[in-house]
Amino acid sequence: KQWYQRRVRGLCKMRTFTVFLVLCLGWVCAVKDLTSAYKEFRNKFPRQGESGLKNELLRFRQFKRNAGLIDKINGMQNEWKAGFTLFSDMTDDEKRQYLG
């Protein structure tokens, strides 16, 4: 009976680890997809006069937020498809300044 209980606990730990591993791999794939989408975006909409790692990280963070919003919009309706635009890495303040 003790052998059986140890075996069951071991299998539960293995199952938990497997689920965790699959979730991590899915997250890594999503980040890689988002990173390549961001690189394509930056090639399509280059920013003039901006450089530096801190700026790049801030832009990427905003891009990720907008990517989540795009996914949410596209998941809620099928009439049209949201996508990345010139504004995809801008903060709300920057969008307001740009639009006047």
N, C-alpha and C. Protein backbone atom coordinates (compact mmCIF):
# COMPACT_ATOMS: atom_id res chain seq x y z
N LYS A 1 0.83 -1.20 0.00
CA LYS A 1 0.00 0.00 0.00
C LYS A 1 0.87 1.26 0.00
N GLN A 2 1.93 1.30 0.79
CA GLN A 2 2.81 2.47 0.82
C GLN A 2 3.48 2.68 -0.53
N TRP A 3 3.90 1.59 -1.15
CA TRP A 3 4.51 1.69 -2.48
C TRP A 3 3.54 2.34 -3.45
N TYR A 4 2.29 1.94 -3.40
CA TYR A 4 1.26 2.48 -4.28
C TYR A 4 1.07 3.98 -4.03
N GLN A 5 1.03 4.40 -2.77
CA GLN A 5 0.85 5.81 -2.44
C GLN A 5 2.03 6.65 -2.93
N ARG A 6 3.25 6.14 -2.77
CA ARG A 6 4.42 6.85 -3.26
C ARG A 6 4.37 6.96 -4.78
N ARG A 7 3.96 5.91 -5.43
CA ARG A 7 3.86 5.90 -6.90
C ARG A 7 2.85 6.94 -7.38
N VAL A 8 1.69 7.00 -6.71
CA VAL A 8 0.64 7.96 -7.07
C VAL A 8 1.14 9.39 -6.86
N ARG A 9 1.80 9.64 -5.71
CA ARG A 9 2.36 10.98 -5.47
C ARG A 9 3.39 11.35 -6.53
N GLY A 10 4.23 10.40 -6.89
CA GLY A 10 5.24 10.65 -7.92
C GLY A 10 4.61 10.98 -9.26
N LEU A 11 3.54 10.26 -9.61
CA LEU A 11 2.85 10.53 -10.87
C LEU A 11 2.17 11.90 -10.84
N CYS A 12 1.61 12.28 -9.71
CA CYS A 12 0.97 13.61 -9.58
C CYS A 12 2.01 14.72 -9.74
N LYS A 13 3.18 14.53 -9.13
CA LYS A 13 4.24 15.53 -9.28
C LYS A 13 4.69 15.62 -10.73
N MET A 14 4.81 14.46 -11.38
CA MET A 14 5.22 14.43 -12.78
C MET A 14 4.18 15.13 -13.66
N ARG A 15 2.90 14.90 -13.39
CA ARG A 15 1.84 15.53 -14.16
C ARG A 15 1.86 17.04 -13.96
N THR A 16 2.05 17.48 -12.72
CA THR A 16 2.12 18.91 -12.43
C THR A 16 3.30 19.54 -13.15
N PHE A 17 4.45 18.87 -13.12
CA PHE A 17 5.63 19.38 -13.81
C PHE A 17 5.38 19.45 -15.31
N THR A 18 4.75 18.45 -15.87
CA THR A 18 4.47 18.42 -17.31
C THR A 18 3.55 19.57 -17.71
N VAL A 19 2.50 19.80 -16.93
CA VAL A 19 1.59 20.91 -17.21
C VAL A 19 2.33 22.23 -17.13
N PHE A 20 3.16 22.38 -16.11
CA PHE A 20 3.95 23.60 -15.94
C PHE A 20 4.88 23.81 -17.13
N LEU A 21 5.54 22.75 -17.56
CA LEU A 21 6.45 22.83 -18.69
C LEU A 21 5.73 23.24 -19.97
N VAL A 22 4.57 22.65 -20.22
CA VAL A 22 3.79 22.99 -21.41
C VAL A 22 3.37 24.46 -21.37
N LEU A 23 2.93 24.92 -20.21
CA LEU A 23 2.54 26.33 -20.08
C LEU A 23 3.73 27.25 -20.33
N CYS A 24 4.89 26.90 -19.79
CA CYS A 24 6.08 27.72 -20.00
C CYS A 24 6.48 27.75 -21.47
N LEU A 25 6.44 26.60 -22.11
CA LEU A 25 6.80 26.55 -23.53
C LEU A 25 5.82 27.37 -24.36
N GLY A 26 4.54 27.30 -24.02
CA GLY A 26 3.54 28.12 -24.72
C GLY A 26 3.82 29.59 -24.54
N TRP A 27 4.19 29.97 -23.32
CA TRP A 27 4.49 31.38 -23.06
C TRP A 27 5.71 31.82 -23.85
N VAL A 28 6.75 30.98 -23.88
CA VAL A 28 7.96 31.32 -24.63
C VAL A 28 7.65 31.48 -26.11
N CYS A 29 6.82 30.58 -26.66
CA CYS A 29 6.44 30.69 -28.08
C CYS A 29 5.67 31.98 -28.33
N ALA A 30 4.78 32.33 -27.41
CA ALA A 30 4.00 33.56 -27.57
C ALA A 30 4.91 34.78 -27.53
N VAL A 31 5.89 34.77 -26.64
CA VAL A 31 6.83 35.90 -26.54
C VAL A 31 7.67 35.99 -27.81
N LYS A 32 8.13 34.84 -28.33
CA LYS A 32 8.91 34.86 -29.57
C LYS A 32 8.06 35.39 -30.72
N ASP A 33 6.79 34.97 -30.79
CA ASP A 33 5.90 35.47 -31.84
C ASP A 33 5.71 36.97 -31.70
N LEU A 34 5.52 37.43 -30.48
CA LEU A 34 5.31 38.85 -30.23
C LEU A 34 6.58 39.64 -30.53
N THR A 35 7.73 39.08 -30.20
CA THR A 35 8.99 39.75 -30.49
C THR A 35 9.20 39.89 -31.99
N SER A 36 8.92 38.84 -32.74
CA SER A 36 9.08 38.94 -34.20
C SER A 36 8.03 39.88 -34.79
N ALA A 37 6.82 39.90 -34.23
CA ALA A 37 5.81 40.85 -34.70
C ALA A 37 6.26 42.28 -34.43
N TYR A 38 6.91 42.50 -33.27
CA TYR A 38 7.40 43.83 -32.94
C TYR A 38 8.51 44.26 -33.90
N LYS A 39 9.40 43.32 -34.23
CA LYS A 39 10.48 43.64 -35.18
C LYS A 39 9.90 44.01 -36.55
N GLU A 40 8.89 43.27 -37.00
CA GLU A 40 8.23 43.61 -38.27
C GLU A 40 7.58 44.98 -38.19
N PHE A 41 6.93 45.25 -37.05
CA PHE A 41 6.29 46.55 -36.83
C PHE A 41 7.31 47.68 -36.89
N ARG A 42 8.45 47.50 -36.22
CA ARG A 42 9.49 48.54 -36.21
C ARG A 42 10.07 48.77 -37.61
N ASN A 43 10.17 47.73 -38.41
CA ASN A 43 10.64 47.90 -39.79
C ASN A 43 9.63 48.65 -40.63
N LYS A 44 8.35 48.39 -40.37
CA LYS A 44 7.28 49.05 -41.14
C LYS A 44 7.08 50.49 -40.69
N PHE A 45 7.20 50.75 -39.39
CA PHE A 45 6.98 52.08 -38.81
C PHE A 45 8.21 52.50 -38.00
N PRO A 46 9.31 52.85 -38.66
CA PRO A 46 10.52 53.23 -37.91
C PRO A 46 10.33 54.56 -37.19
N ARG A 47 10.95 54.69 -36.05
CA ARG A 47 10.92 55.94 -35.27
C ARG A 47 12.22 56.68 -35.53
N GLN A 48 12.11 57.93 -35.87
CA GLN A 48 13.29 58.75 -36.15
C GLN A 48 13.76 59.43 -34.86
N GLY A 49 15.06 59.39 -34.62
CA GLY A 49 15.64 60.12 -33.50
C GLY A 49 15.44 59.47 -32.15
N GLU A 50 14.98 58.24 -32.09
CA GLU A 50 14.81 57.56 -30.81
C GLU A 50 15.76 56.37 -30.75
N SER A 51 16.45 56.25 -29.63
CA SER A 51 17.34 55.11 -29.46
C SER A 51 17.46 54.80 -27.99
N GLY A 52 18.17 53.77 -27.69
CA GLY A 52 18.41 53.40 -26.31
C GLY A 52 17.56 52.21 -25.88
N LEU A 53 18.15 51.40 -25.02
CA LEU A 53 17.49 50.20 -24.55
C LEU A 53 16.24 50.53 -23.73
N LYS A 54 16.33 51.56 -22.88
CA LYS A 54 15.18 51.92 -22.03
C LYS A 54 13.99 52.32 -22.90
N ASN A 55 14.23 53.12 -23.92
CA ASN A 55 13.16 53.54 -24.82
C ASN A 55 12.59 52.33 -25.56
N GLU A 56 13.46 51.45 -26.01
CA GLU A 56 13.02 50.26 -26.75
C GLU A 56 12.15 49.36 -25.86
N LEU A 57 12.54 49.20 -24.61
CA LEU A 57 11.75 48.39 -23.68
C LEU A 57 10.39 49.02 -23.39
N LEU A 58 10.36 50.34 -23.24
CA LEU A 58 9.08 51.03 -23.01
C LEU A 58 8.17 50.88 -24.21
N ARG A 59 8.72 51.00 -25.41
CA ARG A 59 7.94 50.85 -26.64
C ARG A 59 7.41 49.42 -26.78
N PHE A 60 8.26 48.44 -26.47
CA PHE A 60 7.84 47.05 -26.57
C PHE A 60 6.74 46.73 -25.56
N ARG A 61 6.87 47.28 -24.35
CA ARG A 61 5.83 47.07 -23.34
C ARG A 61 4.48 47.62 -23.81
N GLN A 62 4.50 48.82 -24.39
CA GLN A 62 3.26 49.41 -24.91
C GLN A 62 2.72 48.58 -26.09
N PHE A 63 3.61 48.10 -26.92
CA PHE A 63 3.23 47.25 -28.05
C PHE A 63 2.53 45.98 -27.55
N LYS A 64 3.08 45.37 -26.48
CA LYS A 64 2.46 44.16 -25.91
C LYS A 64 1.07 44.46 -25.39
N ARG A 65 0.90 45.59 -24.73
CA ARG A 65 -0.43 45.96 -24.22
C ARG A 65 -1.43 46.09 -25.38
N ASN A 66 -0.99 46.78 -26.43
CA ASN A 66 -1.88 46.96 -27.57
C ASN A 66 -2.13 45.64 -28.31
N ALA A 67 -1.15 44.74 -28.32
CA ALA A 67 -1.35 43.42 -28.93
C ALA A 67 -2.44 42.66 -28.19
N GLY A 68 -2.45 42.77 -26.87
CA GLY A 68 -3.50 42.14 -26.08
C GLY A 68 -4.87 42.73 -26.39
N LEU A 69 -4.92 44.03 -26.55
CA LEU A 69 -6.18 44.70 -26.91
C LEU A 69 -6.65 44.26 -28.30
N ILE A 70 -5.71 44.14 -29.23
CA ILE A 70 -6.04 43.70 -30.58
C ILE A 70 -6.62 42.28 -30.55
N ASP A 71 -5.99 41.39 -29.79
CA ASP A 71 -6.50 40.01 -29.66
C ASP A 71 -7.90 40.00 -29.06
N LYS A 72 -8.11 40.84 -28.05
CA LYS A 72 -9.42 40.90 -27.40
C LYS A 72 -10.49 41.40 -28.37
N ILE A 73 -10.18 42.44 -29.11
CA ILE A 73 -11.13 42.99 -30.09
C ILE A 73 -11.46 41.95 -31.16
N ASN A 74 -10.42 41.31 -31.70
CA ASN A 74 -10.64 40.31 -32.75
C ASN A 74 -11.39 39.09 -32.24
N GLY A 75 -11.24 38.78 -30.95
CA GLY A 75 -11.97 37.65 -30.36
C GLY A 75 -13.43 37.95 -30.10
N MET A 76 -13.79 39.24 -30.00
CA MET A 76 -15.16 39.62 -29.67
C MET A 76 -16.05 39.79 -30.90
N GLN A 77 -15.46 39.98 -32.06
CA GLN A 77 -16.27 40.23 -33.26
C GLN A 77 -15.57 39.70 -34.50
N ASN A 78 -16.34 39.52 -35.58
CA ASN A 78 -15.78 38.99 -36.83
C ASN A 78 -16.04 39.91 -38.02
N GLU A 79 -16.62 41.07 -37.78
CA GLU A 79 -16.97 41.97 -38.88
C GLU A 79 -15.75 42.61 -39.53
N TRP A 80 -14.75 42.90 -38.74
CA TRP A 80 -13.51 43.49 -39.25
C TRP A 80 -12.38 43.00 -38.37
N LYS A 81 -11.15 43.22 -38.79
CA LYS A 81 -10.00 42.71 -38.05
C LYS A 81 -9.09 43.86 -37.62
N ALA A 82 -8.85 43.94 -36.33
CA ALA A 82 -7.91 44.93 -35.79
C ALA A 82 -6.49 44.44 -36.06
N GLY A 83 -5.57 45.37 -36.18
CA GLY A 83 -4.17 45.02 -36.42
C GLY A 83 -3.24 46.11 -35.94
N PHE A 84 -1.96 45.94 -36.19
CA PHE A 84 -0.97 46.91 -35.74
C PHE A 84 -0.95 48.11 -36.69
N THR A 85 -0.88 49.30 -36.09
CA THR A 85 -0.83 50.55 -36.86
C THR A 85 0.34 51.39 -36.34
N LEU A 86 0.47 52.57 -36.89
CA LEU A 86 1.49 53.52 -36.46
C LEU A 86 1.42 53.77 -34.95
N PHE A 87 0.25 53.64 -34.36
CA PHE A 87 0.03 53.97 -32.95
C PHE A 87 0.29 52.81 -32.00
N SER A 88 0.66 51.66 -32.51
CA SER A 88 0.74 50.44 -31.69
C SER A 88 1.78 50.48 -30.58
N ASP A 89 2.78 51.32 -30.68
CA ASP A 89 3.75 51.41 -29.57
C ASP A 89 3.72 52.77 -28.88
N MET A 90 2.68 53.55 -29.15
CA MET A 90 2.55 54.86 -28.52
C MET A 90 1.73 54.78 -27.25
N THR A 91 2.08 55.62 -26.29
CA THR A 91 1.25 55.76 -25.09
C THR A 91 0.02 56.58 -25.45
N ASP A 92 -0.96 56.60 -24.56
CA ASP A 92 -2.17 57.39 -24.81
C ASP A 92 -1.83 58.88 -24.96
N ASP A 93 -0.91 59.38 -24.14
CA ASP A 93 -0.50 60.79 -24.24
C ASP A 93 0.13 61.08 -25.60
N GLU A 94 0.99 60.18 -26.09
CA GLU A 94 1.61 60.38 -27.38
C GLU A 94 0.57 60.36 -28.51
N LYS A 95 -0.41 59.49 -28.38
CA LYS A 95 -1.48 59.45 -29.40
C LYS A 95 -2.25 60.76 -29.42
N ARG A 96 -2.55 61.29 -28.22
CA ARG A 96 -3.28 62.57 -28.15
C ARG A 96 -2.46 63.70 -28.76
N GLN A 97 -1.16 63.73 -28.48
CA GLN A 97 -0.28 64.76 -29.07
C GLN A 97 -0.24 64.63 -30.58
N TYR A 98 -0.16 63.41 -31.07
CA TYR A 98 -0.07 63.17 -32.50
C TYR A 98 -1.37 63.59 -33.21
N LEU A 99 -2.50 63.28 -32.59
CA LEU A 99 -3.79 63.57 -33.21
C LEU A 99 -4.26 65.00 -32.96
N GLY A 100 -3.63 65.67 -32.01
CA GLY A 100 -3.96 67.08 -31.77
C GLY A 100 -5.07 67.33 -30.84
